[in-house]
PDB file of N, CA and C in Angstrom:
ATOM      1  N   ALA A   1       4.193  18.751 123.139  1.00  0.00           N
ATOM      2  CA  ALA A   1       3.014  18.554 122.121  1.00  0.00           C
ATOM      3  C   ALA A   1       3.229  17.231 121.868  1.00  0.00           C
ATOM      4  N   GLU A   2       4.367  16.825 121.333  1.00  0.00           N
ATOM      5  CA  GLU A   2       4.594  15.617 120.674  1.00  0.00           C
ATOM      6  C   GLU A   2       4.340  14.228 121.462  1.00  0.00           C
ATOM      7  N   ASN A   3       4.635  14.608 122.799  1.00  0.00           N
ATOM      8  CA  ASN A   3       4.457  13.492 123.855  1.00  0.00           C
ATOM      9  C   ASN A   3       2.970  13.426 124.059  1.00  0.00           C
ATOM     10  N   LEU A   4       2.340  14.436 124.098  1.00  0.00           N
ATOM     11  CA  LEU A   4       0.893  14.415 124.256  1.00  0.00           C
ATOM     12  C   LEU A   4       0.058  13.634 123.114  1.00  0.00           C
ATOM     13  N   LEU A   5       0.573  13.939 121.871  1.00  0.00           N
ATOM     14  CA  LEU A   5       0.047  13.250 120.671  1.00  0.00           C
ATOM     15  C   LEU A   5       0.526  11.618 120.636  1.00  0.00           C
ATOM     16  N   CYS A   6       1.587  11.358 121.179  1.00  0.00           N
ATOM     17  CA  CYS A   6       1.814   9.745 121.203  1.00  0.00           C
ATOM     18  C   CYS A   6       0.985   9.150 122.125  1.00  0.00           C
ATOM     19  N   ARG A   7       0.612  10.016 123.484  1.00  0.00           N
ATOM     20  CA  ARG A   7      -0.221   9.228 124.264  1.00  0.00           C
ATOM     21  C   ARG A   7      -1.683   9.257 123.875  1.00  0.00           C
ATOM     22  N   LEU A   8      -1.841  10.464 123.009  1.00  0.00           N
ATOM     23  CA  LEU A   8      -3.629  10.203 122.523  1.00  0.00           C
ATOM     24  C   LEU A   8      -3.400   9.140 121.501  1.00  0.00           C
ATOM     25  N   GLN A   9      -2.145   8.832 120.633  1.00  0.00           N
ATOM     26  CA  GLN A   9      -2.308   7.579 119.844  1.00  0.00           C
ATOM     27  C   GLN A   9      -2.340   6.565 120.447  1.00  0.00           C
ATOM     28  N   GLU A  10      -1.568   6.323 121.535  1.00  0.00           N
ATOM     29  CA  GLU A  10      -1.573   4.816 122.430  1.00  0.00           C
ATOM     30  C   GLU A  10      -2.831   4.788 122.884  1.00  0.00           C
ATOM     31  N   ASN A  11      -3.607   5.778 123.487  1.00  0.00           N
ATOM     32  CA  ASN A  11      -5.069   5.535 123.959  1.00  0.00           C
ATOM     33  C   ASN A  11      -5.929   5.156 123.089  1.00  0.00           C
ATOM     34  N   PHE A  12      -6.004   5.893 121.866  1.00  0.00           N
ATOM     35  CA  PHE A  12      -6.893   5.665 120.905  1.00  0.00           C
ATOM     36  C   PHE A  12      -6.372   3.975 120.419  1.00  0.00           C
ATOM     37  N   GLN A  13      -5.595   3.667 120.250  1.00  0.00           N
ATOM     38  CA  GLN A  13      -4.920   2.443 119.764  1.00  0.00           C
ATOM     39  C   GLN A  13      -5.497   1.382 120.793  1.00  0.00           C
ATOM     40  N   ALA A  14      -5.398   1.557 121.973  1.00  0.00           N
ATOM     41  CA  ALA A  14      -5.836   0.681 123.255  1.00  0.00           C
ATOM     42  C   ALA A  14      -7.548   0.675 123.141  1.00  0.00           C
ATOM     43  N   LEU A  15      -8.028   1.815 122.825  1.00  0.00           N
ATOM     44  CA  LEU A  15      -9.448   1.750 122.872  1.00  0.00           C
ATOM     45  C   LEU A  15     -10.110   1.039 121.591  1.00  0.00           C
ATOM     46  N   THR A  16      -9.402   1.189 120.678  1.00  0.00           N
ATOM     47  CA  THR A  16      -9.697   0.419 119.330  1.00  0.00           C
ATOM     48  C   THR A  16      -9.678  -1.034 119.427  1.00  0.00           C
ATOM     49  N   GLU A  17      -8.649  -1.572 120.241  1.00  0.00           N
ATOM     50  CA  GLU A  17      -8.475  -2.953 120.407  1.00  0.00           C
ATOM     51  C   GLU A  17      -9.381  -3.579 121.200  1.00  0.00           C
ATOM     52  N   LYS A  18      -9.773  -2.762 122.375  1.00  0.00           N
ATOM     53  CA  LYS A  18     -10.891  -3.083 123.210  1.00  0.00           C
ATOM     54  C   LYS A  18     -12.176  -3.274 122.492  1.00  0.00           C
ATOM     55  N   LEU A  19     -12.532  -2.205 121.619  1.00  0.00           N
ATOM     56  CA  LEU A  19     -13.707  -2.406 120.819  1.00  0.00           C
ATOM     57  C   LEU A  19     -13.673  -3.391 119.982  1.00  0.00           C
ATOM     58  N   THR A  20     -12.643  -3.672 119.320  1.00  0.00           N
ATOM     59  CA  THR A  20     -12.706  -4.955 118.403  1.00  0.00           C
ATOM     60  C   THR A  20     -12.869  -6.144 119.280  1.00  0.00           C
ATOM     61  N   LEU A  21     -12.170  -6.210 120.461  1.00  0.00           N
ATOM     62  CA  LEU A  21     -12.384  -7.524 121.074  1.00  0.00           C
ATOM     63  C   LEU A  21     -13.734  -7.725 121.664  1.00  0.00           C
ATOM     64  N   ARG A  22     -14.567  -6.739 121.888  1.00  0.00           N
ATOM     65  CA  ARG A  22     -15.778  -6.719 122.401  1.00  0.00           C
ATOM     66  C   ARG A  22     -16.860  -7.096 121.463  1.00  0.00           C
ATOM     67  N   ASN A  23     -16.311  -6.552 120.053  1.00  0.00           N
ATOM     68  CA  ASN A  23     -17.327  -7.002 118.888  1.00  0.00           C
ATOM     69  C   ASN A  23     -17.337  -8.273 118.605  1.00  0.00           C
ATOM     70  N   ILE A  24     -15.833  -8.839 118.684  1.00  0.00           N
ATOM     71  CA  ILE A  24     -15.643 -10.433 118.415  1.00  0.00           C
ATOM     72  C   ILE A  24     -16.467 -11.151 119.329  1.00  0.00           C
ATOM     73  N   LEU A  25     -16.185 -10.859 120.797  1.00  0.00           N
ATOM     74  CA  LEU A  25     -16.978 -11.870 121.698  1.00  0.00           C
ATOM     75  C   LEU A  25     -18.321 -11.514 121.776  1.00  0.00           C
ATOM     76  N   PHE A  26     -18.749 -10.346 121.390  1.00  0.00           N
ATOM     77  CA  PHE A  26     -20.518 -10.275 121.195  1.00  0.00           C
ATOM     78  C   PHE A  26     -20.801 -10.964 119.920  1.00  0.00           C
ATOM     79  N   GLY A  27     -20.153 -11.062 118.735  1.00  0.00           N
ATOM     80  CA  GLY A  27     -20.468 -12.066 117.825  1.00  0.00           C
ATOM     81  C   GLY A  27     -20.601 -13.367 118.041  1.00  0.00           C
ATOM     82  N   ARG A  28     -19.640 -13.829 118.842  1.00  0.00           N
ATOM     83  CA  ARG A  28     -19.582 -15.202 119.197  1.00  0.00           C
ATOM     84  C   ARG A  28     -20.556 -15.312 120.200  1.00  0.00           C
ATOM     85  N   TRP A  29     -20.911 -14.547 121.310  1.00  0.00           N
ATOM     86  CA  TRP A  29     -22.016 -14.754 122.038  1.00  0.00           C
ATOM     87  C   TRP A  29     -23.449 -14.985 121.380  1.00  0.00           C
ATOM     88  N   VAL A  30     -23.706 -14.217 120.517  1.00  0.00           N
ATOM     89  CA  VAL A  30     -25.039 -14.183 119.498  1.00  0.00           C
ATOM     90  C   VAL A  30     -25.046 -15.420 118.767  1.00  0.00           C
ATOM     91  N   THR A  31     -23.965 -15.990 118.247  1.00  0.00           N
ATOM     92  CA  THR A  31     -23.938 -17.306 117.508  1.00  0.00           C
ATOM     93  C   THR A  31     -24.162 -18.316 118.431  1.00  0.00           C
ATOM     94  N   PHE A  32     -23.356 -18.322 119.820  1.00  0.00           N
ATOM     95  CA  PHE A  32     -23.581 -19.341 120.690  1.00  0.00           C
ATOM     96  C   PHE A  32     -25.156 -19.376 121.109  1.00  0.00           C
ATOM     97  N   ASN A  33     -25.719 -18.114 121.342  1.00  0.00           N
ATOM     98  CA  ASN A  33     -27.196 -18.112 121.701  1.00  0.00           C
ATOM     99  C   ASN A  33     -28.109 -18.496 120.752  1.00  0.00           C
ATOM    100  N   PHE A  34     -27.477 -18.454 119.303  1.00  0.00           N
ATOM    101  CA  PHE A  34     -28.571 -18.885 118.194  1.00  0.00           C
ATOM    102  C   PHE A  34     -28.287 -20.669 118.245  1.00  0.00           C
ATOM    103  N   LEU A  35     -27.229 -21.235 118.350  1.00  0.00           N
ATOM    104  CA  LEU A  35     -27.051 -22.375 118.448  1.00  0.00           C
ATOM    105  C   LEU A  35     -27.758 -23.147 119.447  1.00  0.00           C
ATOM    106  N   LEU A  36     -27.795 -22.354 120.729  1.00  0.00           N
ATOM    107  CA  LEU A  36     -28.602 -23.092 122.024  1.00  0.00           C
ATOM    108  C   LEU A  36     -30.039 -22.955 121.415  1.00  0.00           C
ATOM    109  N   GLU A  37     -30.704 -21.837 121.020  1.00  0.00           N
ATOM    110  CA  GLU A  37     -31.967 -22.133 120.685  1.00  0.00           C
ATOM    111  C   GLU A  37     -32.296 -22.918 119.464  1.00  0.00           C
ATOM    112  N   GLU A  38     -31.482 -23.097 118.614  1.00  0.00           N
ATOM    113  CA  GLU A  38     -31.680 -24.336 117.587  1.00  0.00           C
ATOM    114  C   GLU A  38     -31.608 -25.520 118.107  1.00  0.00           C
ATOM    115  N   MET A  39     -30.690 -25.788 119.103  1.00  0.00           N
ATOM    116  CA  MET A  39     -30.605 -27.152 119.799  1.00  0.00           C
ATOM    117  C   MET A  39     -31.827 -27.296 120.554  1.00  0.00           C
ATOM    118  N   GLY A  40     -32.306 -26.340 121.160  1.00  0.00           N
ATOM    119  CA  GLY A  40     -33.546 -26.631 121.911  1.00  0.00           C
ATOM    120  C   GLY A  40     -34.691 -27.010 121.158  1.00  0.00           C
ATOM    121  N   GLU A  41     -34.872 -26.153 120.210  1.00  0.00           N
ATOM    122  CA  GLU A  41     -36.200 -26.437 119.136  1.00  0.00           C
ATOM    123  C   GLU A  41     -36.024 -27.929 118.597  1.00  0.00           C
ATOM    124  N   ARG A  42     -34.791 -28.472 118.357  1.00  0.00           N
ATOM    125  CA  ARG A  42     -34.484 -29.736 117.929  1.00  0.00           C
ATOM    126  C   ARG A  42     -34.792 -30.843 118.967  1.00  0.00           C
ATOM    127  N   ILE A  43     -34.486 -30.490 120.011  1.00  0.00           N
ATOM    128  CA  ILE A  43     -34.943 -31.285 121.059  1.00  0.00           C
ATOM    129  C   ILE A  43     -36.350 -31.228 121.264  1.00  0.00           C
ATOM    130  N   ASN A  44     -37.055 -30.353 121.234  1.00  0.00           N
ATOM    131  CA  ASN A  44     -38.456 -30.079 121.508  1.00  0.00           C
ATOM    132  C   ASN A  44     -39.244 -31.009 120.216  1.00  0.00           C
ATOM    133  N   ASP A  45     -38.726 -30.879 119.090  1.00  0.00           N
ATOM    134  CA  ASP A  45     -39.179 -31.557 117.902  1.00  0.00           C
ATOM    135  C   ASP A  45     -38.948 -33.110 118.215  1.00  0.00           C
ATOM    136  N   LEU A  46     -37.529 -33.478 118.473  1.00  0.00           N
ATOM    137  CA  LEU A  46     -37.518 -34.821 118.822  1.00  0.00           C
ATOM    138  C   LEU A  46     -38.337 -35.520 119.845  1.00  0.00           C
ATOM    139  N   GLU A  47     -38.683 -34.751 121.067  1.00  0.00           N
ATOM    140  CA  GLU A  47     -39.613 -35.113 122.053  1.00  0.00           C
ATOM    141  C   GLU A  47     -40.903 -35.362 121.504  1.00  0.00           C
ATOM    142  N   LYS A  48     -41.390 -34.546 120.675  1.00  0.00           N
ATOM    143  CA  LYS A  48     -42.926 -34.520 120.112  1.00  0.00           C
ATOM    144  C   LYS A  48     -42.830 -35.752 119.135  1.00  0.00           C
ATOM    145  N   ARG A  49     -41.974 -36.147 118.366  1.00  0.00           N
ATOM    146  CA  ARG A  49     -41.725 -37.066 117.454  1.00  0.00           C
ATOM    147  C   ARG A  49     -41.796 -38.504 118.178  1.00  0.00           C
ATOM    148  N   VAL A  50     -41.069 -38.533 119.426  1.00  0.00           N
ATOM    149  CA  VAL A  50     -41.072 -39.635 120.329  1.00  0.00           C
ATOM    150  C   VAL A  50     -42.352 -40.053 120.787  1.00  0.00           C
ATOM    151  N   ALA A  51     -42.998 -38.949 121.346  1.00  0.00           N
ATOM    152  CA  ALA A  51     -44.648 -38.865 122.068  1.00  0.00           C
ATOM    153  C   ALA A  51     -45.378 -39.494 120.922  1.00  0.00           C
ATOM    154  N   ASP A  52     -45.396 -38.780 119.452  1.00  0.00           N
ATOM    155  CA  ASP A  52     -46.141 -39.507 118.559  1.00  0.00           C
ATOM    156  C   ASP A  52     -46.084 -40.915 118.205  1.00  0.00           C
ATOM    157  N   LEU A  53     -44.694 -41.405 118.130  1.00  0.00           N
ATOM    158  CA  LEU A  53     -44.460 -42.764 117.980  1.00  0.00           C
ATOM    159  C   LEU A  53     -44.887 -43.607 119.242  1.00  0.00           C
ATOM    160  N   MET A  54     -44.810 -43.151 120.264  1.00  0.00           N
ATOM    161  CA  MET A  54     -45.177 -43.866 121.631  1.00  0.00           C
ATOM    162  C   MET A  54     -46.924 -44.090 121.409  1.00  0.00           C
ATOM    163  N   THR A  55     -47.371 -42.998 121.014  1.00  0.00           N
ATOM    164  CA  THR A  55     -49.019 -42.953 121.024  1.00  0.00           C
ATOM    165  C   THR A  55     -49.525 -44.022 119.748  1.00  0.00           C
ATOM    166  N   GLU A  56     -48.748 -43.906 118.764  1.00  0.00           N
ATOM    167  CA  GLU A  56     -48.966 -44.846 117.688  1.00  0.00           C
ATOM    168  C   GLU A  56     -48.798 -46.200 118.001  1.00  0.00           C
ATOM    169  N   ALA A  57     -47.833 -46.337 118.885  1.00  0.00           N
ATOM    170  CA  ALA A  57     -47.557 -47.756 119.452  1.00  0.00           C
ATOM    171  C   ALA A  57     -48.535 -48.407 120.379  1.00  0.00           C
ATOM    172  N   GLY A  58     -49.244 -47.566 121.011  1.00  0.00           N
ATOM    173  CA  GLY A  58     -50.103 -47.801 122.048  1.00  0.00           C
ATOM    174  C   GLY A  58     -49.617 -47.698 123.354  1.00  0.00           C
ATOM    175  N   VAL A  59     -48.445 -46.860 123.425  1.00  0.00           N
ATOM    176  CA  VAL A  59     -47.771 -47.086 124.875  1.00  0.00           C
ATOM    177  C   VAL A  59     -48.129 -45.611 125.568  1.00  0.00           C
ATOM    178  N   GLU A  60     -48.563 -45.995 126.776  1.00  0.00           N
ATOM    179  CA  GLU A  60     -48.771 -44.551 127.431  1.00  0.00           C
ATOM    180  C   GLU A  60     -47.719 -43.798 127.742  1.00  0.00           C
ATOM    181  N   ASN A  61     -47.884 -42.402 127.676  1.00  0.00           N
ATOM    182  CA  ASN A  61     -46.725 -41.571 128.017  1.00  0.00           C
ATOM    183  C   ASN A  61     -46.923 -40.557 129.053  1.00  0.00           C
ATOM    184  N   SER A  62     -45.916 -40.828 130.130  1.00  0.00           N
ATOM    185  CA  SER A  62     -46.179 -40.076 131.066  1.00  0.00           C
ATOM    186  C   SER A  62     -44.905 -39.503 131.758  1.00  0.00           C
ATOM    187  N   ASP A  63     -44.837 -38.332 132.471  1.00  0.00           N
ATOM    188  CA  ASP A  63     -43.424 -37.909 132.787  1.00  0.00           C
ATOM    189  C   ASP A  63     -42.901 -38.818 133.809  1.00  0.00           C
ATOM    190  N   GLU A  64     -43.471 -39.807 134.599  1.00  0.00           N
ATOM    191  CA  GLU A  64     -42.984 -40.642 135.568  1.00  0.00           C
ATOM    192  C   GLU A  64     -42.218 -41.768 134.851  1.00  0.00           C
ATOM    193  N   GLU A  65     -42.725 -42.315 133.494  1.00  0.00           N
ATOM    194  CA  GLU A  65     -42.184 -43.251 133.113  1.00  0.00           C
ATOM    195  C   GLU A  65     -41.043 -42.916 132.313  1.00  0.00           C
ATOM    196  N   LEU A  66     -41.019 -41.474 131.784  1.00  0.00           N
ATOM    197  CA  LEU A  66     -39.766 -41.056 131.173  1.00  0.00           C
ATOM    198  C   LEU A  66     -38.431 -40.962 132.113  1.00  0.00           C
ATOM    199  N   LYS A  67     -38.985 -40.716 133.442  1.00  0.00           N
ATOM    200  CA  LYS A  67     -37.667 -40.505 134.292  1.00  0.00           C
ATOM    201  C   LYS A  67     -36.633 -41.432 134.775  1.00  0.00           C
TER     202      LYS A  67
END
């Protein structure tokens, strides 16, 4: 019975460590995803501002010219 209790404790500890690691990785994934979305929004904003400045300056804005 003591051996069984030790094995159960070891299995519980291993499961706890796996869940903890999974939670840490998930938290980092959520943070990374948020940062990517934030960066995408900033890039879109920057593109709009550049297009607005080009319009104010009287410069034609086409995809071919930007490539």
